[in-house]
């Protein structure tokens, strides 16, 4: 007698080519799949370890023809040691408090998100997002997600970081901050905060998404050491690449 599995098949799809947001003159394609149902959390865990990222209820990974510039990267939280610049960022933000809040969008967050987009990414698609678009980005999640809010001593909101909780770490989905405080390096501070929280929780990694060595706006991720990158299907120490020639950076792209 034959027994049929009750588990439905899981489908992956490839998107149409679109202009690459990181490298000028290139096109990007992604493989995507839906995160839904009671096994969404487990699936997201497995896909994150395979180099996928999440947006809303979709997991995706680049599959661009002839290009492998997007390299998944994660910080080794237990062994992380801030460098001199990162220690200065921590000192400069000593009065800033990070708090993990539920994944609920607020008007206060959205006002700061809008200011950040208009100052830093005014030509990008996200600059045109309305409040309901922002709320969908924050709240449309089938997995455990939170919004880390960063506030000064007076309680003023300075930044936020949408973060997923994985079984083996924290995943920084998207961060934004007050563009008037650029010199405080709140984006770097948010990553340092996540590393500290992961270590406190006994989680080994902080996932940063894709490191793109040829893009100035994405190359910063390699500054957090020690880290691991996913190459050839295996997570390997980023430090192993230090003996190789440094990549030539392309001009920064907006978006």
C-alpha atoms as a PDB file:
ATOM      1  CA  UNK A   1       0.000   0.000   0.000  1.00  0.00           C
ATOM      2  CA  UNK A   2       1.381   3.418  -1.000  1.00  0.00           C
ATOM      3  CA  UNK A   3       1.497   6.277   1.503  1.00  0.00           C
ATOM      4  CA  UNK A   4       1.427   9.848   0.254  1.00  0.00           C
ATOM      5  CA  UNK A   5       3.326  12.527   2.124  1.00  0.00           C
ATOM      6  CA  UNK A   6       1.093  15.177   3.718  1.00  0.00           C
ATOM      7  CA  UNK A   7       3.807  17.790   3.126  1.00  0.00           C
ATOM      8  CA  UNK A   8       3.137  19.905   0.084  1.00  0.00           C
ATOM      9  CA  UNK A   9       6.011  20.531  -2.357  1.00  0.00           C
ATOM     10  CA  UNK A  10       7.955  23.755  -1.935  1.00  0.00           C
ATOM     11  CA  UNK A  11       8.427  25.865  -5.036  1.00  0.00           C
ATOM     12  CA  UNK A  12      11.209  28.258  -6.001  1.00  0.00           C
ATOM     13  CA  UNK A  13      10.886  30.853  -8.739  1.00  0.00           C
ATOM     14  CA  UNK A  14      13.321  33.042 -10.666  1.00  0.00           C
ATOM     15  CA  UNK A  15      12.587  36.744 -11.120  1.00  0.00           C
ATOM     16  CA  UNK A  16      12.927  38.691 -14.348  1.00  0.00           C
ATOM     17  CA  UNK A  17      16.186  40.654 -14.812  1.00  0.00           C
ATOM     18  CA  UNK A  18      16.289  44.118 -13.235  1.00  0.00           C
ATOM     19  CA  UNK A  19      19.067  46.727 -12.956  1.00  0.00           C
ATOM     20  CA  UNK A  20      21.512  45.811 -10.174  1.00  0.00           C
ATOM     21  CA  UNK A  21      21.202  48.214  -7.212  1.00  0.00           C
ATOM     22  CA  UNK A  22      24.882  47.779  -6.289  1.00  0.00           C
ATOM     23  CA  UNK A  23      26.948  47.641  -9.481  1.00  0.00           C
ATOM     24  CA  UNK A  24      26.265  50.003 -12.368  1.00  0.00           C
ATOM     25  CA  UNK A  25      25.632  48.464 -15.764  1.00  0.00           C
ATOM     26  CA  UNK A  26      24.752  45.016 -14.421  1.00  0.00           C
ATOM     27  CA  UNK A  27      21.456  43.173 -14.168  1.00  0.00           C
ATOM     28  CA  UNK A  28      20.254  41.116 -11.237  1.00  0.00           C
ATOM     29  CA  UNK A  29      18.000  38.079 -10.972  1.00  0.00           C
ATOM     30  CA  UNK A  30      16.828  36.356  -7.811  1.00  0.00           C
ATOM     31  CA  UNK A  31      15.536  32.961  -6.849  1.00  0.00           C
ATOM     32  CA  UNK A  32      12.598  33.434  -4.479  1.00  0.00           C
ATOM     33  CA  UNK A  33      10.284  31.298  -2.410  1.00  0.00           C
ATOM     34  CA  UNK A  34       7.359  31.965  -0.109  1.00  0.00           C
ATOM     35  CA  UNK A  35       7.670  31.622   3.658  1.00  0.00           C
ATOM     36  CA  UNK A  36       4.292  30.478   4.855  1.00  0.00           C
ATOM     37  CA  UNK A  37       2.559  27.949   7.058  1.00  0.00           C
ATOM     38  CA  UNK A  38       3.644  26.246  10.288  1.00  0.00           C
ATOM     39  CA  UNK A  39       7.098  25.387   8.933  1.00  0.00           C
ATOM     40  CA  UNK A  40       7.976  28.948   7.850  1.00  0.00           C
ATOM     41  CA  UNK A  41      10.338  29.469  10.784  1.00  0.00           C
ATOM     42  CA  UNK A  42      12.231  26.232  10.161  1.00  0.00           C
ATOM     43  CA  UNK A  43      12.456  26.908   6.432  1.00  0.00           C
ATOM     44  CA  UNK A  44      13.718  30.428   7.014  1.00  0.00           C
ATOM     45  CA  UNK A  45      16.382  29.059   9.346  1.00  0.00           C
ATOM     46  CA  UNK A  46      17.633  26.602   6.731  1.00  0.00           C
ATOM     47  CA  UNK A  47      17.545  29.134   3.920  1.00  0.00           C
ATOM     48  CA  UNK A  48      19.403  31.739   5.990  1.00  0.00           C
ATOM     49  CA  UNK A  49      22.224  29.266   6.523  1.00  0.00           C
ATOM     50  CA  UNK A  50      22.196  28.714   2.742  1.00  0.00           C
ATOM     51  CA  UNK A  51      22.668  32.431   2.066  1.00  0.00           C
ATOM     52  CA  UNK A  52      19.061  33.552   1.550  1.00  0.00           C
ATOM     53  CA  UNK A  53      17.605  36.820   2.848  1.00  0.00           C
ATOM     54  CA  UNK A  54      14.024  37.718   3.839  1.00  0.00           C
ATOM     55  CA  UNK A  55      11.715  40.465   2.605  1.00  0.00           C
ATOM     56  CA  UNK A  56       8.124  40.341   3.908  1.00  0.00           C
ATOM     57  CA  UNK A  57       7.092  36.687   3.509  1.00  0.00           C
ATOM     58  CA  UNK A  58       9.603  35.979   0.731  1.00  0.00           C
ATOM     59  CA  UNK A  59      13.091  34.479   0.983  1.00  0.00           C
ATOM     60  CA  UNK A  60      15.447  35.309  -1.874  1.00  0.00           C
ATOM     61  CA  UNK A  61      18.997  34.800  -3.114  1.00  0.00           C
ATOM     62  CA  UNK A  62      20.771  36.352  -6.133  1.00  0.00           C
ATOM     63  CA  UNK A  63      21.323  34.105  -9.171  1.00  0.00           C
ATOM     64  CA  UNK A  64      22.840  36.613 -11.589  1.00  0.00           C
ATOM     65  CA  UNK A  65      24.339  35.274 -14.810  1.00  0.00           C
ATOM     66  CA  UNK A  66      28.100  35.633 -14.868  1.00  0.00           C
ATOM     67  CA  UNK A  67      28.283  37.425 -11.508  1.00  0.00           C
ATOM     68  CA  UNK A  68      28.926  36.219  -7.972  1.00  0.00           C
ATOM     69  CA  UNK A  69      29.629  39.602  -6.368  1.00  0.00           C
ATOM     70  CA  UNK A  70      26.973  39.231  -3.643  1.00  0.00           C
ATOM     71  CA  UNK A  71      28.609  37.123  -0.921  1.00  0.00           C
ATOM     72  CA  UNK A  72      26.606  36.085   2.180  1.00  0.00           C
ATOM     73  CA  UNK A  73      28.396  37.208   5.352  1.00  0.00           C
ATOM     74  CA  UNK A  74      27.842  36.650   9.067  1.00  0.00           C
ATOM     75  CA  UNK A  75      29.744  37.871  12.140  1.00  0.00           C
ATOM     76  CA  UNK A  76      31.144  35.412  14.672  1.00  0.00           C
ATOM     77  CA  UNK A  77      29.453  37.032  17.676  1.00  0.00           C
ATOM     78  CA  UNK A  78      31.235  35.049  20.390  1.00  0.00           C
ATOM     79  CA  UNK A  79      34.710  35.870  19.096  1.00  0.00           C
ATOM     80  CA  UNK A  80      34.040  39.388  17.770  1.00  0.00           C
ATOM     81  CA  UNK A  81      36.485  42.086  18.824  1.00  0.00           C
ATOM     82  CA  UNK A  82      35.745  45.724  17.865  1.00  0.00           C
ATOM     83  CA  UNK A  83      38.583  47.541  16.145  1.00  0.00           C
ATOM     84  CA  UNK A  84      39.735  51.042  17.030  1.00  0.00           C
ATOM     85  CA  UNK A  85      37.118  52.754  14.862  1.00  0.00           C
ATOM     86  CA  UNK A  86      34.316  50.590  16.227  1.00  0.00           C
ATOM     87  CA  UNK A  87      35.401  51.270  19.795  1.00  0.00           C
ATOM     88  CA  UNK A  88      35.178  54.974  19.027  1.00  0.00           C
ATOM     89  CA  UNK A  89      31.659  54.476  17.658  1.00  0.00           C
ATOM     90  CA  UNK A  90      30.684  52.765  20.916  1.00  0.00           C
ATOM     91  CA  UNK A  91      32.107  55.655  22.963  1.00  0.00           C
ATOM     92  CA  UNK A  92      30.356  58.259  20.800  1.00  0.00           C
ATOM     93  CA  UNK A  93      27.036  56.487  21.326  1.00  0.00           C
ATOM     94  CA  UNK A  94      27.440  55.686  25.015  1.00  0.00           C
ATOM     95  CA  UNK A  95      24.217  57.553  25.773  1.00  0.00           C
ATOM     96  CA  UNK A  96      22.196  55.664  23.142  1.00  0.00           C
ATOM     97  CA  UNK A  97      19.941  52.829  24.323  1.00  0.00           C
ATOM     98  CA  UNK A  98      18.740  49.990  22.123  1.00  0.00           C
ATOM     99  CA  UNK A  99      15.433  48.291  22.908  1.00  0.00           C
ATOM    100  CA  UNK A 100      13.900  45.289  21.162  1.00  0.00           C
ATOM    101  CA  UNK A 101      10.284  46.157  20.353  1.00  0.00           C
ATOM    102  CA  UNK A 102       7.627  44.001  18.668  1.00  0.00           C
ATOM    103  CA  UNK A 103       7.388  44.204  14.870  1.00  0.00           C
ATOM    104  CA  UNK A 104       4.804  46.986  14.946  1.00  0.00           C
ATOM    105  CA  UNK A 105       5.088  50.074  12.763  1.00  0.00           C
ATOM    106  CA  UNK A 106       4.599  53.495  14.341  1.00  0.00           C
ATOM    107  CA  UNK A 107       4.243  57.012  12.951  1.00  0.00           C
ATOM    108  CA  UNK A 108       7.406  57.979  14.835  1.00  0.00           C
ATOM    109  CA  UNK A 109       9.419  55.259  13.124  1.00  0.00           C
ATOM    110  CA  UNK A 110       7.990  56.088   9.723  1.00  0.00           C
ATOM    111  CA  UNK A 111       8.863  59.797   9.998  1.00  0.00           C
ATOM    112  CA  UNK A 112      12.483  58.849  10.707  1.00  0.00           C
ATOM    113  CA  UNK A 113      12.449  56.218   7.946  1.00  0.00           C
ATOM    114  CA  UNK A 114      11.209  58.827   5.453  1.00  0.00           C
ATOM    115  CA  UNK A 115      13.870  61.332   6.468  1.00  0.00           C
ATOM    116  CA  UNK A 116      16.561  58.677   6.062  1.00  0.00           C
ATOM    117  CA  UNK A 117      15.331  57.613   2.624  1.00  0.00           C
ATOM    118  CA  UNK A 118      15.098  61.191   1.334  1.00  0.00           C
ATOM    119  CA  UNK A 119      18.581  62.041   2.559  1.00  0.00           C
ATOM    120  CA  UNK A 120      20.401  58.821   1.645  1.00  0.00           C
ATOM    121  CA  UNK A 121      18.389  57.018  -1.054  1.00  0.00           C
ATOM    122  CA  UNK A 122      16.171  59.612  -2.686  1.00  0.00           C
ATOM    123  CA  UNK A 123      16.434  57.910  -6.098  1.00  0.00           C
ATOM    124  CA  UNK A 124      15.569  54.468  -4.708  1.00  0.00           C
ATOM    125  CA  UNK A 125      12.209  52.715  -4.699  1.00  0.00           C
ATOM    126  CA  UNK A 126      11.917  52.891  -0.907  1.00  0.00           C
ATOM    127  CA  UNK A 127      11.928  56.701  -0.936  1.00  0.00           C
ATOM    128  CA  UNK A 128       8.410  56.596  -2.379  1.00  0.00           C
ATOM    129  CA  UNK A 129       7.030  54.273   0.294  1.00  0.00           C
ATOM    130  CA  UNK A 130       3.959  55.453   2.197  1.00  0.00           C
ATOM    131  CA  UNK A 131       3.097  54.491   5.766  1.00  0.00           C
ATOM    132  CA  UNK A 132       1.173  51.381   4.720  1.00  0.00           C
ATOM    133  CA  UNK A 133       4.154  50.204   2.658  1.00  0.00           C
ATOM    134  CA  UNK A 134       6.407  50.731   5.662  1.00  0.00           C
ATOM    135  CA  UNK A 135       3.973  48.908   7.927  1.00  0.00           C
ATOM    136  CA  UNK A 136       3.936  45.948   5.523  1.00  0.00           C
ATOM    137  CA  UNK A 137       7.752  45.868   5.534  1.00  0.00           C
ATOM    138  CA  UNK A 138       7.797  45.706   9.334  1.00  0.00           C
ATOM    139  CA  UNK A 139       4.729  43.638  10.136  1.00  0.00           C
ATOM    140  CA  UNK A 140       4.338  41.304   7.138  1.00  0.00           C
ATOM    141  CA  UNK A 141       6.499  38.539   8.579  1.00  0.00           C
ATOM    142  CA  UNK A 142       5.749  34.853   9.152  1.00  0.00           C
ATOM    143  CA  UNK A 143       8.687  34.433  11.537  1.00  0.00           C
ATOM    144  CA  UNK A 144       9.972  35.891  14.798  1.00  0.00           C
ATOM    145  CA  UNK A 145      10.912  39.493  14.022  1.00  0.00           C
ATOM    146  CA  UNK A 146      11.485  42.634  16.066  1.00  0.00           C
ATOM    147  CA  UNK A 147      12.271  46.296  15.547  1.00  0.00           C
ATOM    148  CA  UNK A 148      15.303  47.453  17.547  1.00  0.00           C
ATOM    149  CA  UNK A 149      14.727  51.107  18.480  1.00  0.00           C
ATOM    150  CA  UNK A 150      17.701  53.305  19.343  1.00  0.00           C
ATOM    151  CA  UNK A 151      16.973  56.347  21.534  1.00  0.00           C
ATOM    152  CA  UNK A 152      19.013  59.038  23.259  1.00  0.00           C
ATOM    153  CA  UNK A 153      18.790  59.931  26.947  1.00  0.00           C
ATOM    154  CA  UNK A 154      15.756  62.153  26.314  1.00  0.00           C
ATOM    155  CA  UNK A 155      13.878  59.304  24.630  1.00  0.00           C
ATOM    156  CA  UNK A 156      14.161  60.691  21.093  1.00  0.00           C
ATOM    157  CA  UNK A 157      14.180  58.015  18.405  1.00  0.00           C
ATOM    158  CA  UNK A 158      17.523  58.053  16.567  1.00  0.00           C
ATOM    159  CA  UNK A 159      17.349  54.870  14.525  1.00  0.00           C
ATOM    160  CA  UNK A 160      15.801  51.479  14.001  1.00  0.00           C
ATOM    161  CA  UNK A 161      16.873  48.039  12.836  1.00  0.00           C
ATOM    162  CA  UNK A 162      14.376  45.449  11.621  1.00  0.00           C
ATOM    163  CA  UNK A 163      15.783  42.158  12.895  1.00  0.00           C
ATOM    164  CA  UNK A 164      14.908  38.479  12.490  1.00  0.00           C
ATOM    165  CA  UNK A 165      15.548  35.949  15.265  1.00  0.00           C
ATOM    166  CA  UNK A 166      17.094  32.712  13.990  1.00  0.00           C
ATOM    167  CA  UNK A 167      17.965  29.543  15.878  1.00  0.00           C
ATOM    168  CA  UNK A 168      21.670  30.320  15.382  1.00  0.00           C
ATOM    169  CA  UNK A 169      21.729  34.103  15.426  1.00  0.00           C
ATOM    170  CA  UNK A 170      20.209  37.476  14.631  1.00  0.00           C
ATOM    171  CA  UNK A 171      19.664  38.688  11.087  1.00  0.00           C
ATOM    172  CA  UNK A 172      19.756  42.414  10.330  1.00  0.00           C
ATOM    173  CA  UNK A 173      17.019  42.895   7.723  1.00  0.00           C
ATOM    174  CA  UNK A 174      17.038  46.693   7.330  1.00  0.00           C
ATOM    175  CA  UNK A 175      18.286  49.645   9.361  1.00  0.00           C
ATOM    176  CA  UNK A 176      17.699  53.391   9.191  1.00  0.00           C
ATOM    177  CA  UNK A 177      18.730  56.368  11.310  1.00  0.00           C
ATOM    178  CA  UNK A 178      18.554  60.129  11.666  1.00  0.00           C
ATOM    179  CA  UNK A 179      20.526  61.465   8.660  1.00  0.00           C
ATOM    180  CA  UNK A 180      21.492  64.563  10.650  1.00  0.00           C
ATOM    181  CA  UNK A 181      23.536  62.300  12.943  1.00  0.00           C
ATOM    182  CA  UNK A 182      25.661  60.711  10.239  1.00  0.00           C
ATOM    183  CA  UNK A 183      28.896  61.406  12.148  1.00  0.00           C
ATOM    184  CA  UNK A 184      27.679  59.194  15.006  1.00  0.00           C
ATOM    185  CA  UNK A 185      27.805  56.143  12.710  1.00  0.00           C
ATOM    186  CA  UNK A 186      24.516  54.811  14.011  1.00  0.00           C
ATOM    187  CA  UNK A 187      24.449  52.121  11.319  1.00  0.00           C
ATOM    188  CA  UNK A 188      27.700  50.673  12.655  1.00  0.00           C
ATOM    189  CA  UNK A 189      26.428  51.084  16.211  1.00  0.00           C
ATOM    190  CA  UNK A 190      23.311  49.067  15.346  1.00  0.00           C
ATOM    191  CA  UNK A 191      25.454  46.164  14.125  1.00  0.00           C
ATOM    192  CA  UNK A 192      27.632  46.334  17.238  1.00  0.00           C
ATOM    193  CA  UNK A 193      24.489  46.300  19.390  1.00  0.00           C
ATOM    194  CA  UNK A 194      23.228  43.180  17.581  1.00  0.00           C
ATOM    195  CA  UNK A 195      26.571  41.438  18.075  1.00  0.00           C
ATOM    196  CA  UNK A 196      26.473  42.147  21.798  1.00  0.00           C
ATOM    197  CA  UNK A 197      22.865  40.989  22.099  1.00  0.00           C
ATOM    198  CA  UNK A 198      23.590  37.776  20.157  1.00  0.00           C
ATOM    199  CA  UNK A 199      26.540  37.008  22.444  1.00  0.00           C
ATOM    200  CA  UNK A 200      24.375  37.644  25.522  1.00  0.00           C
ATOM    201  CA  UNK A 201      21.733  35.255  24.165  1.00  0.00           C
ATOM    202  CA  UNK A 202      24.305  32.566  23.377  1.00  0.00           C
ATOM    203  CA  UNK A 203      23.639  32.871  19.637  1.00  0.00           C
ATOM    204  CA  UNK A 204      26.762  32.366  17.525  1.00  0.00           C
ATOM    205  CA  UNK A 205      26.111  34.670  14.571  1.00  0.00           C
ATOM    206  CA  UNK A 206      24.821  37.997  13.311  1.00  0.00           C
ATOM    207  CA  UNK A 207      23.806  37.736   9.664  1.00  0.00           C
ATOM    208  CA  UNK A 208      24.480  40.912   7.652  1.00  0.00           C
ATOM    209  CA  UNK A 209      23.126  39.871   4.281  1.00  0.00           C
ATOM    210  CA  UNK A 210      25.373  40.298   1.262  1.00  0.00           C
ATOM    211  CA  UNK A 211      28.889  41.651   1.184  1.00  0.00           C
ATOM    212  CA  UNK A 212      29.648  43.211  -2.203  1.00  0.00           C
ATOM    213  CA  UNK A 213      33.392  44.020  -2.278  1.00  0.00           C
ATOM    214  CA  UNK A 214      33.074  46.046  -5.503  1.00  0.00           C
ATOM    215  CA  UNK A 215      30.413  48.361  -4.025  1.00  0.00           C
ATOM    216  CA  UNK A 216      31.497  51.015  -1.530  1.00  0.00           C
ATOM    217  CA  UNK A 217      28.143  51.095   0.235  1.00  0.00           C
ATOM    218  CA  UNK A 218      28.225  47.312   0.801  1.00  0.00           C
ATOM    219  CA  UNK A 219      31.957  46.779   1.353  1.00  0.00           C
ATOM    220  CA  UNK A 220      31.766  48.034   4.973  1.00  0.00           C
ATOM    221  CA  UNK A 221      30.440  44.672   6.144  1.00  0.00           C
ATOM    222  CA  UNK A 222      33.916  43.150   5.940  1.00  0.00           C
ATOM    223  CA  UNK A 223      35.096  45.485   8.728  1.00  0.00           C
ATOM    224  CA  UNK A 224      33.436  43.356  11.406  1.00  0.00           C
ATOM    225  CA  UNK A 225      35.911  40.645  12.411  1.00  0.00           C
ATOM    226  CA  UNK A 226      35.979  37.761  12.762  1.00  0.00           C
ATOM    227  CA  UNK A 227      33.344  36.974  10.158  1.00  0.00           C
ATOM    228  CA  UNK A 228      32.462  34.132   7.846  1.00  0.00           C
ATOM    229  CA  UNK A 229      31.444  34.178   4.184  1.00  0.00           C
ATOM    230  CA  UNK A 230      29.517  31.555   2.242  1.00  0.00           C
ATOM    231  CA  UNK A 231      31.518  30.317  -0.750  1.00  0.00           C
ATOM    232  CA  UNK A 232      31.270  27.016  -2.549  1.00  0.00           C
ATOM    233  CA  UNK A 233      28.409  25.977  -0.307  1.00  0.00           C
ATOM    234  CA  UNK A 234      30.504  26.283   2.867  1.00  0.00           C
ATOM    235  CA  UNK A 235      30.905  29.020   5.473  1.00  0.00           C
ATOM    236  CA  UNK A 236      34.587  29.948   5.587  1.00  0.00           C
ATOM    237  CA  UNK A 237      36.521  32.524   7.660  1.00  0.00           C
ATOM    238  CA  UNK A 238      36.657  35.870   5.905  1.00  0.00           C
ATOM    239  CA  UNK A 239      40.126  36.338   7.357  1.00  0.00           C
ATOM    240  CA  UNK A 240      41.384  33.641   4.983  1.00  0.00           C
ATOM    241  CA  UNK A 241      40.969  36.163   2.163  1.00  0.00           C
ATOM    242  CA  UNK A 242      43.251  38.712   3.779  1.00  0.00           C
ATOM    243  CA  UNK A 243      46.253  37.268   1.978  1.00  0.00           C
ATOM    244  CA  UNK A 244      44.541  37.848  -1.365  1.00  0.00           C
ATOM    245  CA  UNK A 245      44.684  41.090  -3.291  1.00  0.00           C
ATOM    246  CA  UNK A 246      42.125  43.659  -2.139  1.00  0.00           C
ATOM    247  CA  UNK A 247      39.275  44.105  -4.660  1.00  0.00           C
ATOM    248  CA  UNK A 248      39.076  47.339  -6.618  1.00  0.00           C
ATOM    249  CA  UNK A 249      36.022  49.243  -5.447  1.00  0.00           C
ATOM    250  CA  UNK A 250      33.589  50.627  -7.950  1.00  0.00           C
ATOM    251  CA  UNK A 251      32.062  54.085  -7.434  1.00  0.00           C
ATOM    252  CA  UNK A 252      29.223  54.103  -4.925  1.00  0.00           C
ATOM    253  CA  UNK A 253      25.740  53.617  -6.385  1.00  0.00           C
ATOM    254  CA  UNK A 254      22.499  54.994  -5.022  1.00  0.00           C
ATOM    255  CA  UNK A 255      19.585  52.770  -4.195  1.00  0.00           C
END
